[in-house]
N, C-alpha and C. Protein backbone atom coordinates (compact mmCIF):
# COMPACT_ATOMS: atom_id res chain seq x y z
N MET A 1 -26.13 52.28 55.65
CA MET A 1 -27.05 51.36 55.01
C MET A 1 -26.61 49.94 55.33
N LYS A 2 -27.52 49.13 55.75
CA LYS A 2 -27.23 47.74 56.05
C LYS A 2 -27.40 46.89 54.80
N GLN A 3 -26.88 45.67 54.86
CA GLN A 3 -26.90 44.79 53.69
C GLN A 3 -28.33 44.54 53.20
N ASP A 4 -29.27 44.32 54.10
CA ASP A 4 -30.65 44.07 53.67
C ASP A 4 -31.23 45.27 52.92
N ASP A 5 -30.90 46.49 53.37
CA ASP A 5 -31.37 47.69 52.67
C ASP A 5 -30.75 47.78 51.28
N LEU A 6 -29.46 47.45 51.20
CA LEU A 6 -28.76 47.48 49.91
C LEU A 6 -29.37 46.45 48.96
N VAL A 7 -29.62 45.26 49.46
CA VAL A 7 -30.23 44.20 48.64
C VAL A 7 -31.58 44.67 48.10
N THR A 8 -32.39 45.26 48.96
CA THR A 8 -33.72 45.74 48.55
C THR A 8 -33.61 46.80 47.47
N LYS A 9 -32.72 47.77 47.65
CA LYS A 9 -32.57 48.86 46.66
C LYS A 9 -32.05 48.34 45.32
N ILE A 10 -31.08 47.43 45.36
CA ILE A 10 -30.54 46.87 44.12
C ILE A 10 -31.62 46.07 43.41
N ALA A 11 -32.40 45.31 44.16
CA ALA A 11 -33.48 44.52 43.56
C ALA A 11 -34.50 45.43 42.88
N LEU A 12 -34.84 46.53 43.52
CA LEU A 12 -35.80 47.47 42.92
C LEU A 12 -35.23 48.13 41.66
N GLU A 13 -33.95 48.52 41.71
CA GLU A 13 -33.32 49.19 40.55
C GLU A 13 -33.14 48.24 39.37
N SER A 14 -32.79 46.98 39.65
CA SER A 14 -32.43 46.06 38.58
C SER A 14 -33.59 45.17 38.13
N GLY A 15 -34.62 45.05 38.95
CA GLY A 15 -35.71 44.15 38.61
C GLY A 15 -35.42 42.70 38.97
N ALA A 16 -34.30 42.47 39.62
CA ALA A 16 -33.94 41.11 40.04
C ALA A 16 -34.61 40.80 41.37
N THR A 17 -34.59 39.54 41.74
CA THR A 17 -35.17 39.16 43.02
C THR A 17 -34.17 39.44 44.14
N LYS A 18 -34.71 39.61 45.35
CA LYS A 18 -33.85 39.85 46.50
C LYS A 18 -32.91 38.67 46.75
N VAL A 19 -33.40 37.46 46.52
CA VAL A 19 -32.59 36.26 46.73
C VAL A 19 -31.40 36.25 45.78
N SER A 20 -31.63 36.56 44.51
CA SER A 20 -30.53 36.56 43.54
C SER A 20 -29.54 37.68 43.84
N VAL A 21 -30.02 38.84 44.25
CA VAL A 21 -29.13 39.96 44.58
C VAL A 21 -28.28 39.59 45.79
N LYS A 22 -28.88 38.98 46.80
CA LYS A 22 -28.14 38.59 48.00
C LYS A 22 -27.05 37.57 47.66
N LYS A 23 -27.36 36.61 46.78
CA LYS A 23 -26.37 35.62 46.34
C LYS A 23 -25.23 36.30 45.58
N MET A 24 -25.57 37.27 44.74
CA MET A 24 -24.55 37.97 43.96
C MET A 24 -23.63 38.79 44.87
N LEU A 25 -24.19 39.47 45.86
CA LEU A 25 -23.37 40.24 46.80
C LEU A 25 -22.47 39.33 47.62
N SER A 26 -23.00 38.19 48.02
CA SER A 26 -22.20 37.23 48.76
C SER A 26 -21.05 36.72 47.89
N GLY A 27 -21.35 36.42 46.64
CA GLY A 27 -20.32 35.99 45.70
C GLY A 27 -19.28 37.07 45.45
N LEU A 28 -19.73 38.31 45.37
CA LEU A 28 -18.80 39.42 45.19
C LEU A 28 -17.83 39.49 46.35
N GLY A 29 -18.34 39.33 47.57
CA GLY A 29 -17.48 39.36 48.74
C GLY A 29 -16.41 38.27 48.70
N VAL A 30 -16.80 37.07 48.31
CA VAL A 30 -15.86 35.95 48.23
C VAL A 30 -14.80 36.21 47.16
N VAL A 31 -15.23 36.67 46.00
CA VAL A 31 -14.30 36.92 44.90
C VAL A 31 -13.30 38.03 45.27
N VAL A 32 -13.80 39.10 45.89
CA VAL A 32 -12.92 40.21 46.29
C VAL A 32 -11.90 39.72 47.31
N GLN A 33 -12.34 38.96 48.30
CA GLN A 33 -11.42 38.44 49.31
C GLN A 33 -10.34 37.56 48.68
N GLN A 34 -10.72 36.68 47.78
CA GLN A 34 -9.75 35.79 47.13
C GLN A 34 -8.75 36.59 46.30
N GLU A 35 -9.26 37.58 45.56
CA GLU A 35 -8.38 38.37 44.70
C GLU A 35 -7.38 39.16 45.52
N LEU A 36 -7.83 39.79 46.59
CA LEU A 36 -6.93 40.56 47.44
C LEU A 36 -5.95 39.66 48.17
N LYS A 37 -6.40 38.49 48.58
CA LYS A 37 -5.51 37.53 49.25
C LYS A 37 -4.37 37.13 48.32
N ASN A 38 -4.66 37.03 47.03
CA ASN A 38 -3.65 36.65 46.03
C ASN A 38 -2.84 37.84 45.53
N GLY A 39 -3.02 39.02 46.15
CA GLY A 39 -2.23 40.19 45.79
C GLY A 39 -2.78 40.98 44.62
N GLY A 40 -3.96 40.64 44.15
CA GLY A 40 -4.55 41.35 43.02
C GLY A 40 -5.33 42.58 43.47
N GLU A 41 -6.07 43.12 42.54
CA GLU A 41 -6.93 44.27 42.83
C GLU A 41 -8.25 44.10 42.10
N VAL A 42 -9.27 44.79 42.61
CA VAL A 42 -10.61 44.71 42.01
C VAL A 42 -11.04 46.13 41.68
N VAL A 43 -11.36 46.37 40.42
CA VAL A 43 -11.80 47.69 39.97
C VAL A 43 -13.30 47.65 39.72
N LEU A 44 -14.04 48.51 40.40
CA LEU A 44 -15.48 48.62 40.21
C LEU A 44 -15.73 49.96 39.52
N SER A 45 -16.05 49.91 38.25
CA SER A 45 -16.21 51.11 37.44
C SER A 45 -17.19 52.09 38.07
N GLY A 46 -16.77 53.33 38.22
CA GLY A 46 -17.60 54.38 38.78
C GLY A 46 -17.62 54.40 40.29
N ILE A 47 -17.06 53.37 40.92
CA ILE A 47 -17.04 53.29 42.39
C ILE A 47 -15.63 53.43 42.93
N GLY A 48 -14.72 52.57 42.48
CA GLY A 48 -13.35 52.68 42.95
C GLY A 48 -12.58 51.39 42.78
N LYS A 49 -11.42 51.35 43.42
CA LYS A 49 -10.53 50.21 43.29
C LYS A 49 -10.17 49.69 44.68
N LEU A 50 -10.29 48.39 44.86
CA LEU A 50 -9.88 47.71 46.08
C LEU A 50 -8.54 47.05 45.81
N SER A 51 -7.57 47.27 46.70
CA SER A 51 -6.25 46.69 46.52
C SER A 51 -5.64 46.42 47.89
N VAL A 52 -4.43 45.88 47.87
CA VAL A 52 -3.70 45.61 49.10
C VAL A 52 -2.48 46.52 49.12
N LYS A 53 -2.27 47.20 50.24
CA LYS A 53 -1.10 48.06 50.41
C LYS A 53 -0.22 47.49 51.51
N GLN A 54 1.07 47.70 51.37
CA GLN A 54 2.03 47.28 52.38
C GLN A 54 2.26 48.45 53.33
N ARG A 55 1.99 48.25 54.59
CA ARG A 55 2.23 49.28 55.60
C ARG A 55 3.60 49.02 56.21
N ALA A 56 4.47 50.01 56.21
CA ALA A 56 5.84 49.86 56.70
C ALA A 56 5.86 49.71 58.22
N ALA A 57 6.93 49.08 58.71
CA ALA A 57 7.14 48.99 60.15
C ALA A 57 7.41 50.39 60.69
N ARG A 58 6.99 50.63 61.94
CA ARG A 58 7.18 51.96 62.51
C ARG A 58 7.24 51.87 64.03
N SER A 59 7.67 52.95 64.63
CA SER A 59 7.69 53.04 66.09
C SER A 59 6.38 53.63 66.56
N GLY A 60 5.93 53.18 67.71
CA GLY A 60 4.70 53.71 68.28
C GLY A 60 4.78 53.70 69.79
N ARG A 61 3.67 53.96 70.43
CA ARG A 61 3.61 53.95 71.89
C ARG A 61 2.44 53.10 72.34
N ASN A 62 2.65 52.35 73.40
CA ASN A 62 1.58 51.59 74.01
C ASN A 62 0.64 52.59 74.67
N PRO A 63 -0.62 52.65 74.25
CA PRO A 63 -1.52 53.66 74.80
C PRO A 63 -1.80 53.49 76.29
N ALA A 64 -1.68 52.27 76.80
CA ALA A 64 -1.96 52.03 78.22
C ALA A 64 -0.81 52.48 79.11
N THR A 65 0.42 52.23 78.64
CA THR A 65 1.58 52.53 79.48
C THR A 65 2.40 53.72 79.00
N GLY A 66 2.28 54.05 77.73
CA GLY A 66 3.10 55.12 77.16
C GLY A 66 4.49 54.67 76.76
N ASN A 67 4.80 53.39 76.96
CA ASN A 67 6.12 52.87 76.60
C ASN A 67 6.26 52.76 75.10
N PRO A 68 7.46 53.07 74.57
CA PRO A 68 7.68 52.91 73.13
C PRO A 68 7.63 51.44 72.74
N MET A 69 7.17 51.20 71.50
CA MET A 69 7.11 49.84 70.98
C MET A 69 7.26 49.86 69.47
N GLU A 70 7.67 48.74 68.92
CA GLU A 70 7.80 48.61 67.47
C GLU A 70 6.53 47.97 66.91
N ILE A 71 6.00 48.58 65.88
CA ILE A 71 4.83 48.06 65.19
C ILE A 71 5.33 47.43 63.89
N SER A 72 5.07 46.15 63.70
CA SER A 72 5.62 45.43 62.55
C SER A 72 4.92 45.83 61.25
N ALA A 73 5.60 45.56 60.15
CA ALA A 73 5.03 45.81 58.82
C ALA A 73 3.88 44.83 58.59
N LYS A 74 2.91 45.26 57.81
CA LYS A 74 1.79 44.38 57.50
C LYS A 74 1.09 44.84 56.24
N LYS A 75 0.30 43.93 55.69
CA LYS A 75 -0.52 44.24 54.52
C LYS A 75 -1.90 44.65 55.00
N VAL A 76 -2.47 45.67 54.37
CA VAL A 76 -3.80 46.14 54.74
C VAL A 76 -4.63 46.37 53.48
N PRO A 77 -5.96 46.15 53.56
CA PRO A 77 -6.81 46.45 52.41
C PRO A 77 -6.91 47.96 52.21
N HIS A 78 -7.01 48.37 50.95
CA HIS A 78 -7.07 49.79 50.62
C HIS A 78 -8.17 50.02 49.59
N PHE A 79 -8.93 51.09 49.78
CA PHE A 79 -9.96 51.47 48.81
C PHE A 79 -9.64 52.86 48.29
N GLY A 80 -9.56 52.98 46.97
CA GLY A 80 -9.39 54.27 46.33
C GLY A 80 -10.65 54.60 45.55
N ALA A 81 -11.30 55.69 45.91
CA ALA A 81 -12.56 56.07 45.26
C ALA A 81 -12.31 56.56 43.83
N ALA A 82 -13.22 56.21 42.93
CA ALA A 82 -13.16 56.66 41.54
C ALA A 82 -13.59 58.13 41.47
N LYS A 83 -13.14 58.80 40.44
CA LYS A 83 -13.43 60.23 40.29
C LYS A 83 -14.94 60.54 40.27
N PRO A 84 -15.77 59.77 39.55
CA PRO A 84 -17.21 60.07 39.58
C PRO A 84 -17.80 59.99 40.99
N LEU A 85 -17.36 59.02 41.79
CA LEU A 85 -17.84 58.90 43.15
C LEU A 85 -17.39 60.08 44.01
N LYS A 86 -16.14 60.48 43.84
CA LYS A 86 -15.63 61.64 44.58
C LYS A 86 -16.42 62.90 44.24
N ASN A 87 -16.70 63.07 42.95
CA ASN A 87 -17.44 64.27 42.52
C ASN A 87 -18.86 64.30 43.10
N ILE A 88 -19.52 63.15 43.16
CA ILE A 88 -20.87 63.10 43.71
C ILE A 88 -20.87 63.42 45.20
N VAL A 89 -19.90 62.88 45.91
CA VAL A 89 -19.84 63.09 47.35
C VAL A 89 -19.50 64.54 47.67
N ARG A 90 -18.62 65.13 46.89
CA ARG A 90 -18.22 66.52 47.12
C ARG A 90 -19.36 67.49 46.85
N GLY A 91 -20.26 67.08 45.98
CA GLY A 91 -21.41 67.93 45.69
C GLY A 91 -21.20 68.84 44.60
């Protein structure tokens, strides 16, 4: 589903205008980015939790040459699905 489709469906479900829904989704994106950048987490009830995880340094291989290389530690965004969402998807 693309953003325009999501905006349309949310507008129909909520009775809000497409313009207001698009502004709210844009604002949500900004707030989530800021919160994760500051090391926080965002919990969306019934959907899941967005957080930042630390990925440890590890050894790997260069796919082009096959030579071993070190992959440095880094922070990555993580999404954990809420139980209601998991149950719906599982069927």
